[in-house]
Amino acid sequence: MLAEHAQQVLAIYQSGIDEGNATFETAAPSWEAFDKSRLPNHRLVALTPDAAVVGWIAVSAVSARAAYAGVVEHSVYVHPDARGQGIARALLHALIASTEASGIWTIQSGIFPENAASLALHQQAGFRVIGTRERVGRLHGIWRDVQLIERRSHHVN
C-alpha cells in the first residue's frame, strides 16, 4: 500500500463504514492519520490489471509495551463491486505470511456479529472467536456487540 493508493483505499474504507457493519467509525480518516496509525510493513492492496485498488488490509500495533510486540490488530476491506471473488481471502493469507515472517504471533480484530461473511472468512483462515464484548460501543446511537477474534501463529515461537 502506497500513498498513490490513498484515495482509493479511503474510498473503500468509507464504503464499508457507510454499510454500517464494519466499524464504529463514521468517516474515513485523512490519509495522514490512516498512514500514521498502520504499521508500514503489513499494509497490502489488491489491484486490478489496470492498477485500481479493489481491496486492502492493514495492521496496527495493539500496544507500545514490549510484551505485546508480536500482537497486531487488523482490518480488511473490499470494494463492494469486487466482493465474492476471493480478494479478502487472498489479502488475509498474504497478511498472515507477512506478519509471521516478521515474528508477529497474534493477529486480532473485533467484528460485529452481524457481519457473518467476515466472521466466516476469518474462521476459514484459522481465526477463532475468543469472546464477545457486549454493548461495547454505540454506532448512530445504537449499542453494538463485537466478537473478538484472533489467530495465533503456528510458526512463531
Protein backbone atom coordinates (compact mmCIF):
# COMPACT_ATOMS: atom_id res chain seq x y z
CA MET A 1 0.00 0.00 0.00
CA LEU A 2 1.49 3.25 -1.17
CA ALA A 3 0.48 6.90 -0.91
CA GLU A 4 -0.65 6.69 -4.53
CA HIS A 5 -3.37 4.26 -3.37
CA ALA A 6 -4.65 6.62 -0.67
CA GLN A 7 -7.76 7.97 -2.37
CA GLN A 8 -8.99 4.52 -3.43
CA VAL A 9 -8.14 2.89 -0.07
CA LEU A 10 -10.03 5.57 1.84
CA ALA A 11 -13.00 5.37 -0.56
CA ILE A 12 -13.24 1.60 0.01
CA TYR A 13 -12.98 2.21 3.75
CA GLN A 14 -15.78 4.78 3.56
CA SER A 15 -17.96 2.29 1.64
CA GLY A 16 -17.52 -0.21 4.46
CA ILE A 17 -18.28 2.46 7.04
CA ASP A 18 -21.43 3.50 5.19
CA GLU A 19 -22.76 -0.07 5.19
CA GLY A 20 -22.86 0.05 8.99
CA ASN A 21 -21.47 -3.38 9.96
CA ALA A 22 -17.72 -2.90 9.61
CA THR A 23 -16.58 -0.41 12.24
CA PHE A 24 -17.62 2.12 14.85
CA GLU A 25 -16.00 4.82 12.71
CA THR A 26 -18.44 7.10 10.92
CA ALA A 27 -15.98 8.68 8.47
CA ALA A 28 -12.71 7.57 6.94
CA PRO A 29 -9.71 9.41 8.38
CA SER A 30 -7.32 11.58 6.44
CA TRP A 31 -4.55 9.71 4.65
CA GLU A 32 -2.05 11.21 7.10
CA ALA A 33 -3.94 9.78 10.10
CA PHE A 34 -4.50 6.43 8.36
CA ASP A 35 -0.86 6.16 7.35
CA LYS A 36 0.43 7.08 10.79
CA SER A 37 -1.75 4.52 12.60
CA ARG A 38 -0.88 1.46 10.47
CA LEU A 39 2.39 -0.47 10.51
CA PRO A 40 4.16 0.17 7.19
CA ASN A 41 5.41 -3.39 6.63
CA HIS A 42 2.00 -5.03 6.82
CA ARG A 43 -0.25 -2.97 4.55
CA LEU A 44 -1.34 -4.57 1.33
CA VAL A 45 -3.66 -3.75 -1.55
CA ALA A 46 -5.32 -5.91 -4.17
CA LEU A 47 -5.09 -4.33 -7.62
CA THR A 48 -6.84 -4.94 -10.91
CA PRO A 49 -4.66 -5.28 -14.03
CA ASP A 50 -5.12 -1.53 -14.63
CA ALA A 51 -3.91 -0.76 -11.06
CA ALA A 52 -7.29 0.05 -9.50
CA VAL A 53 -7.48 -0.83 -5.80
CA VAL A 54 -10.22 -3.37 -5.11
CA GLY A 55 -9.28 -4.25 -1.53
CA TRP A 56 -6.85 -3.55 1.26
CA ILE A 57 -5.62 -4.98 4.53
CA ALA A 58 -3.52 -3.33 7.23
CA VAL A 59 -2.48 -3.75 10.85
CA SER A 60 -1.95 -1.52 13.85
CA ALA A 61 0.07 -2.23 16.95
CA VAL A 62 -2.15 -3.03 19.93
CA SER A 63 0.28 -1.63 22.47
CA ALA A 64 3.63 0.12 22.75
CA ARG A 65 4.61 -2.29 25.56
CA ALA A 66 7.36 -4.75 24.61
CA ALA A 67 5.32 -7.73 25.82
CA TYR A 68 2.80 -7.07 23.02
CA ALA A 69 5.33 -6.51 20.22
CA GLY A 70 4.03 -9.58 18.40
CA VAL A 71 0.34 -8.71 18.60
CA VAL A 72 -1.42 -6.63 15.96
CA GLU A 73 -4.99 -5.67 15.14
CA HIS A 74 -6.05 -5.85 11.53
CA SER A 75 -8.70 -4.50 9.20
CA VAL A 76 -9.63 -5.82 5.77
CA TYR A 77 -11.96 -4.11 3.30
CA VAL A 78 -13.02 -4.99 -0.25
CA HIS A 79 -14.77 -2.73 -2.73
CA PRO A 80 -18.49 -3.66 -2.84
CA ASP A 81 -18.31 -4.47 -6.58
CA ALA A 82 -15.37 -6.84 -6.05
CA ARG A 83 -16.76 -8.97 -3.23
CA GLY A 84 -17.18 -12.70 -3.58
CA GLN A 85 -14.06 -13.08 -5.74
CA GLY A 86 -11.65 -14.26 -3.04
CA ILE A 87 -9.93 -10.89 -2.65
CA ALA A 88 -10.34 -10.69 1.13
CA ARG A 89 -9.14 -14.29 1.47
CA ALA A 90 -6.04 -13.57 -0.62
CA LEU A 91 -5.29 -10.40 1.35
CA LEU A 92 -5.75 -12.22 4.65
CA HIS A 93 -3.42 -15.05 3.64
CA ALA A 94 -0.81 -12.56 2.40
CA LEU A 95 -1.05 -10.70 5.70
CA ILE A 96 -0.61 -13.90 7.70
CA ALA A 97 2.53 -14.70 5.69
CA SER A 98 3.84 -11.16 6.11
CA THR A 99 3.27 -11.00 9.86
CA GLU A 100 4.63 -14.48 10.55
CA ALA A 101 7.78 -13.72 8.54
CA SER A 102 8.41 -10.76 10.85
CA GLY A 103 7.77 -12.62 14.12
CA ILE A 104 4.22 -11.48 14.86
CA TRP A 105 2.45 -14.24 16.78
CA THR A 106 -1.11 -12.93 17.10
CA ILE A 107 -3.42 -11.13 14.70
CA GLN A 108 -6.64 -9.95 16.30
CA SER A 109 -9.70 -7.92 15.43
CA GLY A 110 -13.21 -7.07 16.52
CA ILE A 111 -16.12 -7.87 14.20
CA PHE A 112 -19.78 -7.03 14.59
CA PRO A 113 -21.75 -10.30 14.96
CA GLU A 114 -23.99 -9.16 12.10
CA ASN A 115 -21.02 -9.30 9.72
CA ALA A 116 -21.42 -13.03 9.12
CA ALA A 117 -19.37 -13.03 5.90
CA SER A 118 -16.34 -11.57 7.67
CA LEU A 119 -16.65 -13.97 10.58
CA ALA A 120 -16.84 -16.93 8.18
CA LEU A 121 -13.85 -15.69 6.17
CA HIS A 122 -11.75 -15.33 9.29
CA GLN A 123 -12.75 -18.73 10.63
CA GLN A 124 -11.66 -20.30 7.34
CA ALA A 125 -8.29 -18.52 7.71
CA GLY A 126 -7.69 -20.01 11.17
CA PHE A 127 -9.11 -17.26 13.39
CA ARG A 128 -11.26 -18.15 16.36
CA VAL A 129 -13.79 -16.18 18.36
CA ILE A 130 -12.35 -15.62 21.82
CA GLY A 131 -15.28 -13.71 23.26
CA THR A 132 -17.99 -11.15 22.85
CA ARG A 133 -17.82 -7.61 24.13
CA GLU A 134 -21.47 -6.86 24.78
CA ARG A 135 -22.76 -3.34 24.24
CA VAL A 136 -19.16 -2.14 23.93
CA GLY A 137 -19.96 0.96 21.91
CA ARG A 138 -22.68 2.92 20.19
CA LEU A 139 -22.97 3.39 16.47
CA HIS A 140 -25.52 6.00 15.42
CA GLY A 141 -27.00 5.84 18.92
CA ILE A 142 -27.40 2.05 18.96
CA TRP A 143 -25.42 -0.18 21.31
CA ARG A 144 -23.40 -2.78 19.41
CA ASP A 145 -21.65 -6.00 20.41
CA VAL A 146 -18.28 -7.00 19.00
CA GLN A 147 -16.90 -10.52 18.52
CA LEU A 148 -13.22 -10.60 19.43
CA ILE A 149 -11.25 -12.85 17.10
CA GLU A 150 -7.62 -13.90 16.97
CA ARG A 151 -5.26 -16.06 15.00
CA ARG A 152 -2.23 -17.43 16.81
CA SER A 153 0.74 -18.30 14.65
CA HIS A 154 1.77 -21.93 14.49
CA HIS A 155 5.22 -20.87 13.26
CA VAL A 156 6.30 -18.07 15.58
CA ASN A 157 7.53 -19.31 18.96
